[in-house]
PDB file of all heavy atoms in Angstrom:
ATOM      1  N   GLY A   1      -7.792  15.589  17.234  1.00  0.00           N
ATOM      2  CA  GLY A   1      -7.313  14.663  18.255  1.00  0.00           C
ATOM      3  C   GLY A   1      -6.457  13.516  17.748  1.00  0.00           C
ATOM      4  O   GLY A   1      -5.936  12.740  18.544  1.00  0.00           O
ATOM      5  N   ARG A   2      -6.302  13.397  16.430  1.00  0.00           N
ATOM      6  CA  ARG A   2      -5.574  12.254  15.881  1.00  0.00           C
ATOM      7  C   ARG A   2      -4.180  12.634  15.367  1.00  0.00           C
ATOM      8  O   ARG A   2      -3.516  11.841  14.708  1.00  0.00           O
ATOM      9  CB  ARG A   2      -6.371  11.628  14.730  1.00  0.00           C
ATOM     10  CG  ARG A   2      -7.776  11.224  15.071  1.00  0.00           C
ATOM     11  CD  ARG A   2      -7.822   9.992  15.934  1.00  0.00           C
ATOM     12  NE  ARG A   2      -7.572   8.792  15.166  1.00  0.00           N
ATOM     13  CZ  ARG A   2      -7.579   7.560  15.689  1.00  0.00           C
ATOM     14  NH1 ARG A   2      -7.784   7.394  16.990  1.00  0.00           N
ATOM     15  NH2 ARG A   2      -7.356   6.509  14.932  1.00  0.00           N
ATOM     16  N   GLY A   3      -3.730  13.857  15.688  1.00  0.00           N
ATOM     17  CA  GLY A   3      -2.485  14.350  15.116  1.00  0.00           C
ATOM     18  C   GLY A   3      -1.274  13.508  15.455  1.00  0.00           C
ATOM     19  O   GLY A   3      -0.476  13.165  14.570  1.00  0.00           O
ATOM     20  N   GLU A   4      -1.103  13.170  16.721  1.00  0.00           N
ATOM     21  CA  GLU A   4       0.090  12.430  17.127  1.00  0.00           C
ATOM     22  C   GLU A   4       0.082  11.020  16.543  1.00  0.00           C
ATOM     23  O   GLU A   4       1.113  10.511  16.073  1.00  0.00           O
ATOM     24  CB  GLU A   4       0.175  12.395  18.653  1.00  0.00           C
ATOM     25  CG  GLU A   4       0.369  13.781  19.261  1.00  0.00           C
ATOM     26  CD  GLU A   4       0.283  13.766  20.776  1.00  0.00           C
ATOM     27  OE1 GLU A   4       0.756  12.790  21.392  1.00  0.00           O
ATOM     28  OE2 GLU A   4      -0.260  14.721  21.350  1.00  0.00           O
ATOM     29  N   TYR A   5      -1.071  10.390  16.566  1.00  0.00           N
ATOM     30  CA  TYR A   5      -1.197   9.051  15.984  1.00  0.00           C
ATOM     31  C   TYR A   5      -0.913   9.097  14.488  1.00  0.00           C
ATOM     32  O   TYR A   5      -0.146   8.283  13.956  1.00  0.00           O
ATOM     33  CB  TYR A   5      -2.595   8.507  16.260  1.00  0.00           C
ATOM     34  CG  TYR A   5      -2.876   7.170  15.620  1.00  0.00           C
ATOM     35  CD1 TYR A   5      -2.190   6.027  16.021  1.00  0.00           C
ATOM     36  CD2 TYR A   5      -3.837   7.046  14.618  1.00  0.00           C
ATOM     37  CE1 TYR A   5      -2.450   4.788  15.432  1.00  0.00           C
ATOM     38  CE2 TYR A   5      -4.103   5.821  14.028  1.00  0.00           C
ATOM     39  CZ  TYR A   5      -3.409   4.696  14.444  1.00  0.00           C
ATOM     40  OH  TYR A   5      -3.669   3.478  13.854  1.00  0.00           O
ATOM     41  N   ALA A   6      -1.509  10.073  13.793  1.00  0.00           N
ATOM     42  CA  ALA A   6      -1.296  10.209  12.354  1.00  0.00           C
ATOM     43  C   ALA A   6       0.176  10.448  12.041  1.00  0.00           C
ATOM     44  O   ALA A   6       0.700   9.931  11.043  1.00  0.00           O
ATOM     45  CB  ALA A   6      -2.154  11.346  11.801  1.00  0.00           C
ATOM     46  N   ALA A   7       0.854  11.227  12.888  1.00  0.00           N
ATOM     47  CA  ALA A   7       2.275  11.497  12.666  1.00  0.00           C
ATOM     48  C   ALA A   7       3.101  10.213  12.760  1.00  0.00           C
ATOM     49  O   ALA A   7       4.014   9.983  11.947  1.00  0.00           O
ATOM     50  CB  ALA A   7       2.772  12.524  13.672  1.00  0.00           C
ATOM     51  N   SER A   8       2.795   9.375  13.732  1.00  0.00           N
ATOM     52  CA  SER A   8       3.566   8.142  13.900  1.00  0.00           C
ATOM     53  C   SER A   8       3.336   7.181  12.738  1.00  0.00           C
ATOM     54  O   SER A   8       4.259   6.513  12.266  1.00  0.00           O
ATOM     55  CB  SER A   8       3.219   7.465  15.234  1.00  0.00           C
ATOM     56  OG  SER A   8       1.894   6.953  15.240  1.00  0.00           O
ATOM     57  N   LYS A   9       2.102   7.111  12.258  1.00  0.00           N
ATOM     58  CA  LYS A   9       1.800   6.234  11.125  1.00  0.00           C
ATOM     59  C   LYS A   9       2.262   6.847   9.806  1.00  0.00           C
ATOM     60  O   LYS A   9       2.645   6.139   8.875  1.00  0.00           O
ATOM     61  CB  LYS A   9       0.302   5.937  11.079  1.00  0.00           C
ATOM     62  CG  LYS A   9      -0.191   5.057  12.219  1.00  0.00           C
ATOM     63  CD  LYS A   9       0.451   3.684  12.196  1.00  0.00           C
ATOM     64  CE  LYS A   9      -0.186   2.738  13.194  1.00  0.00           C
ATOM     65  NZ  LYS A   9       0.421   1.377  13.145  1.00  0.00           N
ATOM     66  N   GLY A  10       2.234   8.181   9.725  1.00  0.00           N
ATOM     67  CA  GLY A  10       2.755   8.839   8.537  1.00  0.00           C
ATOM     68  C   GLY A  10       4.233   8.565   8.348  1.00  0.00           C
ATOM     69  O   GLY A  10       4.720   8.460   7.217  1.00  0.00           O
ATOM     70  N   ALA A  11       4.953   8.440   9.463  1.00  0.00           N
ATOM     71  CA  ALA A  11       6.377   8.094   9.384  1.00  0.00           C
ATOM     72  C   ALA A  11       6.564   6.712   8.763  1.00  0.00           C
ATOM     73  O   ALA A  11       7.489   6.491   7.977  1.00  0.00           O
ATOM     74  CB  ALA A  11       7.005   8.154  10.776  1.00  0.00           C
ATOM     75  N   VAL A  12       5.686   5.795   9.110  1.00  0.00           N
ATOM     76  CA  VAL A  12       5.728   4.454   8.511  1.00  0.00           C
ATOM     77  C   VAL A  12       5.528   4.545   7.001  1.00  0.00           C
ATOM     78  O   VAL A  12       6.283   3.972   6.217  1.00  0.00           O
ATOM     79  CB  VAL A  12       4.657   3.538   9.140  1.00  0.00           C
ATOM     80  CG1 VAL A  12       4.546   2.214   8.376  1.00  0.00           C
ATOM     81  CG2 VAL A  12       4.964   3.273  10.608  1.00  0.00           C
ATOM     82  N   ASN A  13       4.507   5.296   6.588  1.00  0.00           N
ATOM     83  CA  ASN A  13       4.202   5.415   5.157  1.00  0.00           C
ATOM     84  C   ASN A  13       5.353   6.059   4.380  1.00  0.00           C
ATOM     85  O   ASN A  13       5.623   5.693   3.235  1.00  0.00           O
ATOM     86  CB  ASN A  13       2.930   6.228   4.953  1.00  0.00           C
ATOM     87  CG  ASN A  13       1.688   5.495   5.420  1.00  0.00           C
ATOM     88  OD1 ASN A  13       1.749   4.319   5.788  1.00  0.00           O
ATOM     89  ND2 ASN A  13       0.559   6.179   5.426  1.00  0.00           N
ATOM     90  N   ALA A  14       6.016   7.038   5.004  1.00  0.00           N
ATOM     91  CA  ALA A  14       7.145   7.688   4.337  1.00  0.00           C
ATOM     92  C   ALA A  14       8.317   6.730   4.164  1.00  0.00           C
ATOM     93  O   ALA A  14       9.075   6.815   3.178  1.00  0.00           O
ATOM     94  CB  ALA A  14       7.573   8.914   5.144  1.00  0.00           C
ATOM     95  N   LEU A  15       8.469   5.820   5.112  1.00  0.00           N
ATOM     96  CA  LEU A  15       9.589   4.884   5.080  1.00  0.00           C
ATOM     97  C   LEU A  15       9.420   3.797   4.023  1.00  0.00           C
ATOM     98  O   LEU A  15      10.401   3.362   3.402  1.00  0.00           O
ATOM     99  CB  LEU A  15       9.741   4.237   6.463  1.00  0.00           C
ATOM    100  CG  LEU A  15      10.891   3.251   6.656  1.00  0.00           C
ATOM    101  CD1 LEU A  15      12.229   3.978   6.583  1.00  0.00           C
ATOM    102  CD2 LEU A  15      10.746   2.523   7.991  1.00  0.00           C
ATOM    103  N   ILE A  16       8.177   3.355   3.802  1.00  0.00           N
ATOM    104  CA  ILE A  16       7.906   2.173   2.978  1.00  0.00           C
ATOM    105  C   ILE A  16       8.544   2.259   1.583  1.00  0.00           C
ATOM    106  O   ILE A  16       9.297   1.353   1.192  1.00  0.00           O
ATOM    107  CB  ILE A  16       6.388   1.930   2.859  1.00  0.00           C
ATOM    108  CG1 ILE A  16       5.785   1.561   4.225  1.00  0.00           C
ATOM    109  CG2 ILE A  16       6.085   0.849   1.817  1.00  0.00           C
ATOM    110  CD1 ILE A  16       6.135   0.212   4.757  1.00  0.00           C
ATOM    111  N   PRO A  17       8.293   3.304   0.783  1.00  0.00           N
ATOM    112  CA  PRO A  17       8.869   3.307  -0.573  1.00  0.00           C
ATOM    113  C   PRO A  17      10.394   3.425  -0.588  1.00  0.00           C
ATOM    114  O   PRO A  17      11.049   2.931  -1.512  1.00  0.00           O
ATOM    115  CB  PRO A  17       8.205   4.517  -1.242  1.00  0.00           C
ATOM    116  CG  PRO A  17       7.726   5.386  -0.122  1.00  0.00           C
ATOM    117  CD  PRO A  17       7.398   4.459   0.996  1.00  0.00           C
ATOM    118  N   ILE A  18      10.947   4.054   0.435  1.00  0.00           N
ATOM    119  CA  ILE A  18      12.407   4.161   0.515  1.00  0.00           C
ATOM    120  C   ILE A  18      13.025   2.790   0.764  1.00  0.00           C
ATOM    121  O   ILE A  18      13.993   2.388   0.095  1.00  0.00           O
ATOM    122  CB  ILE A  18      12.807   5.165   1.617  1.00  0.00           C
ATOM    123  CG1 ILE A  18      12.323   6.573   1.241  1.00  0.00           C
ATOM    124  CG2 ILE A  18      14.320   5.150   1.825  1.00  0.00           C
ATOM    125  CD1 ILE A  18      12.423   7.575   2.356  1.00  0.00           C
ATOM    126  N   ILE A  19      12.467   2.057   1.716  1.00  0.00           N
ATOM    127  CA  ILE A  19      12.949   0.701   1.974  1.00  0.00           C
ATOM    128  C   ILE A  19      12.752  -0.176   0.741  1.00  0.00           C
ATOM    129  O   ILE A  19      13.610  -0.995   0.390  1.00  0.00           O
ATOM    130  CB  ILE A  19      12.227   0.088   3.185  1.00  0.00           C
ATOM    131  CG1 ILE A  19      12.520   0.899   4.455  1.00  0.00           C
ATOM    132  CG2 ILE A  19      12.652  -1.372   3.385  1.00  0.00           C
ATOM    133  CD1 ILE A  19      13.973   0.953   4.836  1.00  0.00           C
ATOM    134  N   ALA A  20      11.605  -0.004   0.070  1.00  0.00           N
ATOM    135  CA  ALA A  20      11.333  -0.801  -1.138  1.00  0.00           C
ATOM    136  C   ALA A  20      12.451  -0.645  -2.157  1.00  0.00           C
ATOM    137  O   ALA A  20      12.882  -1.622  -2.792  1.00  0.00           O
ATOM    138  CB  ALA A  20       9.994  -0.396  -1.738  1.00  0.00           C
ATOM    139  N   LYS A  21      12.946   0.591  -2.335  1.00  0.00           N
ATOM    140  CA  LYS A  21      14.054   0.827  -3.267  1.00  0.00           C
ATOM    141  C   LYS A  21      15.335   0.158  -2.786  1.00  0.00           C
ATOM    142  O   LYS A  21      16.108  -0.391  -3.585  1.00  0.00           O
ATOM    143  CB  LYS A  21      14.300   2.326  -3.411  1.00  0.00           C
ATOM    144  CG  LYS A  21      13.398   3.016  -4.419  1.00  0.00           C
ATOM    145  CD  LYS A  21      13.893   4.441  -4.663  1.00  0.00           C
ATOM    146  CE  LYS A  21      13.137   5.078  -5.819  1.00  0.00           C
ATOM    147  NZ  LYS A  21      13.677   6.427  -6.141  1.00  0.00           N
ATOM    148  N   GLU A  22      15.559   0.202  -1.478  1.00  0.00           N
ATOM    149  CA  GLU A  22      16.817  -0.319  -0.936  1.00  0.00           C
ATOM    150  C   GLU A  22      16.917  -1.838  -1.022  1.00  0.00           C
ATOM    151  O   GLU A  22      18.016  -2.387  -1.068  1.00  0.00           O
ATOM    152  CB  GLU A  22      16.982   0.144   0.515  1.00  0.00           C
ATOM    153  CG  GLU A  22      17.201   1.645   0.669  1.00  0.00           C
ATOM    154  CD  GLU A  22      17.473   2.055   2.110  1.00  0.00           C
ATOM    155  OE1 GLU A  22      17.565   1.168   2.976  1.00  0.00           O
ATOM    156  OE2 GLU A  22      17.602   3.273   2.360  1.00  0.00           O
ATOM    157  N   VAL A  23      15.777  -2.517  -1.013  1.00  0.00           N
ATOM    158  CA  VAL A  23      15.811  -3.989  -0.939  1.00  0.00           C
ATOM    159  C   VAL A  23      15.328  -4.661  -2.219  1.00  0.00           C
ATOM    160  O   VAL A  23      15.241  -5.891  -2.274  1.00  0.00           O
ATOM    161  CB  VAL A  23      14.975  -4.500   0.255  1.00  0.00           C
ATOM    162  CG1 VAL A  23      15.532  -3.956   1.562  1.00  0.00           C
ATOM    163  CG2 VAL A  23      13.497  -4.133   0.108  1.00  0.00           C
ATOM    164  N   ILE A  24      15.033  -3.881  -3.250  1.00  0.00           N
ATOM    165  CA  ILE A  24      14.466  -4.480  -4.455  1.00  0.00           C
ATOM    166  C   ILE A  24      15.460  -5.392  -5.166  1.00  0.00           C
ATOM    167  O   ILE A  24      15.070  -6.299  -5.902  1.00  0.00           O
ATOM    168  CB  ILE A  24      13.928  -3.379  -5.398  1.00  0.00           C
ATOM    169  CG1 ILE A  24      12.875  -3.973  -6.334  1.00  0.00           C
ATOM    170  CG2 ILE A  24      15.078  -2.696  -6.151  1.00  0.00           C
ATOM    171  CD1 ILE A  24      12.011  -2.944  -7.023  1.00  0.00           C
ATOM    172  N   ASP A  25      16.766  -5.185  -4.922  1.00  0.00           N
ATOM    173  CA  ASP A  25      17.756  -6.059  -5.552  1.00  0.00           C
ATOM    174  C   ASP A  25      17.647  -7.484  -5.030  1.00  0.00           C
ATOM    175  O   ASP A  25      18.058  -8.432  -5.718  1.00  0.00           O
ATOM    176  CB  ASP A  25      19.177  -5.518  -5.347  1.00  0.00           C
ATOM    177  CG  ASP A  25      19.550  -5.367  -3.888  1.00  0.00           C
ATOM    178  OD1 ASP A  25      18.641  -5.109  -3.070  1.00  0.00           O
ATOM    179  OD2 ASP A  25      20.739  -5.515  -3.564  1.00  0.00           O
ATOM    180  N   ARG A  26      17.098  -7.668  -3.841  1.00  0.00           N
ATOM    181  CA  ARG A  26      16.844  -9.016  -3.304  1.00  0.00           C
ATOM    182  C   ARG A  26      15.413  -9.459  -3.574  1.00  0.00           C
ATOM    183  O   ARG A  26      14.988 -10.496  -3.080  1.00  0.00           O
ATOM    184  CB  ARG A  26      17.109  -9.070  -1.791  1.00  0.00           C
ATOM    185  CG  ARG A  26      18.573  -8.899  -1.414  1.00  0.00           C
ATOM    186  CD  ARG A  26      18.769  -9.225   0.063  1.00  0.00           C
ATOM    187  NE  ARG A  26      18.407 -10.601   0.328  1.00  0.00           N
ATOM    188  CZ  ARG A  26      17.854 -11.033   1.475  1.00  0.00           C
ATOM    189  NH1 ARG A  26      17.597 -10.180   2.451  1.00  0.00           N
ATOM    190  NH2 ARG A  26      17.559 -12.307   1.628  1.00  0.00           N
ATOM    191  N   ARG A  27      14.696  -8.662  -4.333  1.00  0.00           N
ATOM    192  CA  ARG A  27      13.297  -8.938  -4.667  1.00  0.00           C
ATOM    193  C   ARG A  27      12.424  -9.040  -3.417  1.00  0.00           C
ATOM    194  O   ARG A  27      11.418  -9.750  -3.393  1.00  0.00           O
ATOM    195  CB  ARG A  27      13.155 -10.190  -5.547  1.00  0.00           C
ATOM    196  CG  ARG A  27      13.949 -10.114  -6.839  1.00  0.00           C
ATOM    197  CD  ARG A  27      13.614 -11.227  -7.800  1.00  0.00           C
ATOM    198  NE  ARG A  27      12.272 -11.088  -8.344  1.00  0.00           N
ATOM    199  CZ  ARG A  27      11.941 -10.285  -9.357  1.00  0.00           C
ATOM    200  NH1 ARG A  27      12.877  -9.537  -9.932  1.00  0.00           N
ATOM    201  NH2 ARG A  27      10.710 -10.227  -9.788  1.00  0.00           N
ATOM    202  N   ILE A  28      12.831  -8.333  -2.375  1.00  0.00           N
ATOM    203  CA  ILE A  28      11.992  -8.217  -1.182  1.00  0.00           C
ATOM    204  C   ILE A  28      10.951  -7.132  -1.450  1.00  0.00           C
ATOM    205  O   ILE A  28      11.282  -6.043  -1.911  1.00  0.00           O
ATOM    206  CB  ILE A  28      12.825  -7.855   0.059  1.00  0.00           C
ATOM    207  CG1 ILE A  28      13.755  -9.016   0.423  1.00  0.00           C
ATOM    208  CG2 ILE A  28      11.921  -7.508   1.244  1.00  0.00           C
ATOM    209  CD1 ILE A  28      14.683  -8.723   1.583  1.00  0.00           C
ATOM    210  N   ARG A  29       9.709  -7.434  -1.167  1.00  0.00           N
ATOM    211  CA  ARG A  29       8.626  -6.465  -1.330  1.00  0.00           C
ATOM    212  C   ARG A  29       8.171  -5.966   0.034  1.00  0.00           C
ATOM    213  O   ARG A  29       8.130  -6.727   0.997  1.00  0.00           O
ATOM    214  CB  ARG A  29       7.435  -7.090  -2.062  1.00  0.00           C
ATOM    215  CG  ARG A  29       7.763  -7.525  -3.476  1.00  0.00           C
ATOM    216  CD  ARG A  29       6.528  -7.972  -4.245  1.00  0.00           C
ATOM    217  NE  ARG A  29       5.928  -9.189  -3.716  1.00  0.00           N
ATOM    218  CZ  ARG A  29       4.787  -9.241  -3.037  1.00  0.00           C
ATOM    219  NH1 ARG A  29       4.094  -8.136  -2.772  1.00  0.00           N
ATOM    220  NH2 ARG A  29       4.313 -10.392  -2.609  1.00  0.00           N
ATOM    221  N   ILE A  30       7.823  -4.688   0.109  1.00  0.00           N
ATOM    222  CA  ILE A  30       7.350  -4.100   1.362  1.00  0.00           C
ATOM    223  C   ILE A  30       6.213  -3.134   1.062  1.00  0.00           C
ATOM    224  O   ILE A  30       6.319  -2.292   0.172  1.00  0.00           O
ATOM    225  CB  ILE A  30       8.501  -3.405   2.131  1.00  0.00           C
ATOM    226  CG1 ILE A  30       7.983  -2.775   3.432  1.00  0.00           C
ATOM    227  CG2 ILE A  30       9.224  -2.383   1.268  1.00  0.00           C
ATOM    228  CD1 ILE A  30       9.088  -2.292   4.367  1.00  0.00           C
ATOM    229  N   ASN A  31       5.119  -3.276   1.789  1.00  0.00           N
ATOM    230  CA  ASN A  31       3.938  -2.431   1.623  1.00  0.00           C
ATOM    231  C   ASN A  31       3.303  -2.177   2.975  1.00  0.00           C
ATOM    232  O   ASN A  31       3.637  -2.818   3.979  1.00  0.00           O
ATOM    233  CB  ASN A  31       2.906  -3.121   0.712  1.00  0.00           C
ATOM    234  CG  ASN A  31       3.443  -3.402  -0.674  1.00  0.00           C
ATOM    235  OD1 ASN A  31       3.601  -2.499  -1.476  1.00  0.00           O
ATOM    236  ND2 ASN A  31       3.746  -4.667  -0.952  1.00  0.00           N
ATOM    237  N   SER A  32       2.370  -1.246   2.997  1.00  0.00           N
ATOM    238  CA  SER A  32       1.558  -1.020   4.200  1.00  0.00           C
ATOM    239  C   SER A  32       0.085  -1.071   3.826  1.00  0.00           C
ATOM    240  O   SER A  32      -0.296  -0.849   2.679  1.00  0.00           O
ATOM    241  CB  SER A  32       1.894   0.323   4.855  1.00  0.00           C
ATOM    242  OG  SER A  32       1.738   1.384   3.939  1.00  0.00           O
ATOM    243  N   VAL A  33      -0.732  -1.370   4.828  1.00  0.00           N
ATOM    244  CA  VAL A  33      -2.188  -1.362   4.685  1.00  0.00           C
ATOM    245  C   VAL A  33      -2.733  -0.342   5.665  1.00  0.00           C
ATOM    246  O   VAL A  33      -2.382  -0.360   6.854  1.00  0.00           O
ATOM    247  CB  VAL A  33      -2.794  -2.751   4.963  1.00  0.00           C
ATOM    248  CG1 VAL A  33      -4.318  -2.692   4.905  1.00  0.00           C
ATOM    249  CG2 VAL A  33      -2.266  -3.774   3.957  1.00  0.00           C
ATOM    250  N   SER A  34      -3.584   0.559   5.168  1.00  0.00           N
ATOM    251  CA  SER A  34      -4.147   1.630   6.007  1.00  0.00           C
ATOM    252  C   SER A  34      -5.651   1.461   6.129  1.00  0.00           C
ATOM    253  O   SER A  34      -6.414   1.916   5.268  1.00  0.00           O
ATOM    254  CB  SER A  34      -3.826   3.003   5.400  1.00  0.00           C
ATOM    255  OG  SER A  34      -2.459   3.302   5.524  1.00  0.00           O
ATOM    256  N   PRO A  35      -6.110   0.820   7.193  1.00  0.00           N
ATOM    257  CA  PRO A  35      -7.549   0.648   7.367  1.00  0.00           C
ATOM    258  C   PRO A  35      -8.202   1.886   7.986  1.00  0.00           C
ATOM    259  O   PRO A  35      -7.530   2.735   8.600  1.00  0.00           O
ATOM    260  CB  PRO A  35      -7.656  -0.536   8.343  1.00  0.00           C
ATOM    261  CG  PRO A  35      -6.263  -1.015   8.580  1.00  0.00           C
ATOM    262  CD  PRO A  35      -5.349   0.111   8.222  1.00  0.00           C
ATOM    263  N   GLY A  36      -9.515   1.966   7.836  1.00  0.00           N
ATOM    264  CA  GLY A  36     -10.307   2.895   8.625  1.00  0.00           C
ATOM    265  C   GLY A  36     -10.522   2.277  10.000  1.00  0.00           C
ATOM    266  O   GLY A  36      -9.688   1.515  10.494  1.00  0.00           O
ATOM    267  N   PHE A  37     -11.651   2.578  10.642  1.00  0.00           N
ATOM    268  CA  PHE A  37     -11.917   2.002  11.955  1.00  0.00           C
ATOM    269  C   PHE A  37     -12.156   0.497  11.830  1.00  0.00           C
ATOM    270  O   PHE A  37     -12.981   0.042  11.039  1.00  0.00           O
ATOM    271  CB  PHE A  37     -13.123   2.672  12.607  1.00  0.00           C
ATOM    272  CG  PHE A  37     -12.761   3.925  13.355  1.00  0.00           C
ATOM    273  CD1 PHE A  37     -12.985   5.175  12.791  1.00  0.00           C
ATOM    274  CD2 PHE A  37     -12.188   3.862  14.617  1.00  0.00           C
ATOM    275  CE1 PHE A  37     -12.648   6.337  13.477  1.00  0.00           C
ATOM    276  CE2 PHE A  37     -11.840   5.012  15.315  1.00  0.00           C
ATOM    277  CZ  PHE A  37     -12.074   6.252  14.737  1.00  0.00           C
ATOM    278  N   VAL A  38     -11.406  -0.270  12.624  1.00  0.00           N
ATOM    279  CA  VAL A  38     -11.483  -1.728  12.621  1.00  0.00           C
ATOM    280  C   VAL A  38     -11.997  -2.183  13.990  1.00  0.00           C
ATOM    281  O   VAL A  38     -11.720  -1.552  15.020  1.00  0.00           O
ATOM    282  CB  VAL A  38     -10.094  -2.351  12.343  1.00  0.00           C
ATOM    283  CG1 VAL A  38     -10.174  -3.875  12.291  1.00  0.00           C
ATOM    284  CG2 VAL A  38      -9.522  -1.799  11.037  1.00  0.00           C
ATOM    285  N   LYS A  39     -12.707  -3.284  13.999  1.00  0.00           N
ATOM    286  CA  LYS A  39     -13.276  -3.819  15.233  1.00  0.00           C
ATOM    287  C   LYS A  39     -12.183  -4.484  16.069  1.00  0.00           C
ATOM    288  O   LYS A  39     -11.983  -5.694  16.041  1.00  0.00           O
ATOM    289  CB  LYS A  39     -14.387  -4.821  14.915  1.00  0.00           C
ATOM    290  CG  LYS A  39     -15.211  -5.240  16.119  1.00  0.00           C
ATOM    291  CD  LYS A  39     -16.338  -6.171  15.718  1.00  0.00           C
ATOM    292  CE  LYS A  39     -17.187  -6.562  16.919  1.00  0.00           C
ATOM    293  NZ  LYS A  39     -18.285  -7.487  16.522  1.00  0.00           N
ATOM    294  N   THR A  40     -11.462  -3.665  16.828  1.00  0.00           N
ATOM    295  CA  THR A  40     -10.370  -4.139  17.677  1.00  0.00           C
ATOM    296  C   THR A  40     -10.506  -3.518  19.061  1.00  0.00           C
ATOM    297  O   THR A  40     -11.418  -2.736  19.319  1.00  0.00           O
ATOM    298  CB  THR A  40      -9.005  -3.739  17.082  1.00  0.00           C
ATOM    299  OG1 THR A  40      -8.910  -2.304  17.088  1.00  0.00           O
ATOM    300  CG2 THR A  40      -8.846  -4.255  15.657  1.00  0.00           C
TER     301      THR A  40
END
C-alpha cells in the first residue's frame, strides 16, 4: 500500500546527490532525512 508514496519520496532521494554535485561550487549543502513513523 505504500508504493505510490515511496515512489514520490524515492524521487526526492534520487535528486539529492545530483543537486549536491551541481551546487557544491557555492558550498551549498543538501541532504534529506528519512524518518520512520512520526507522531504527526
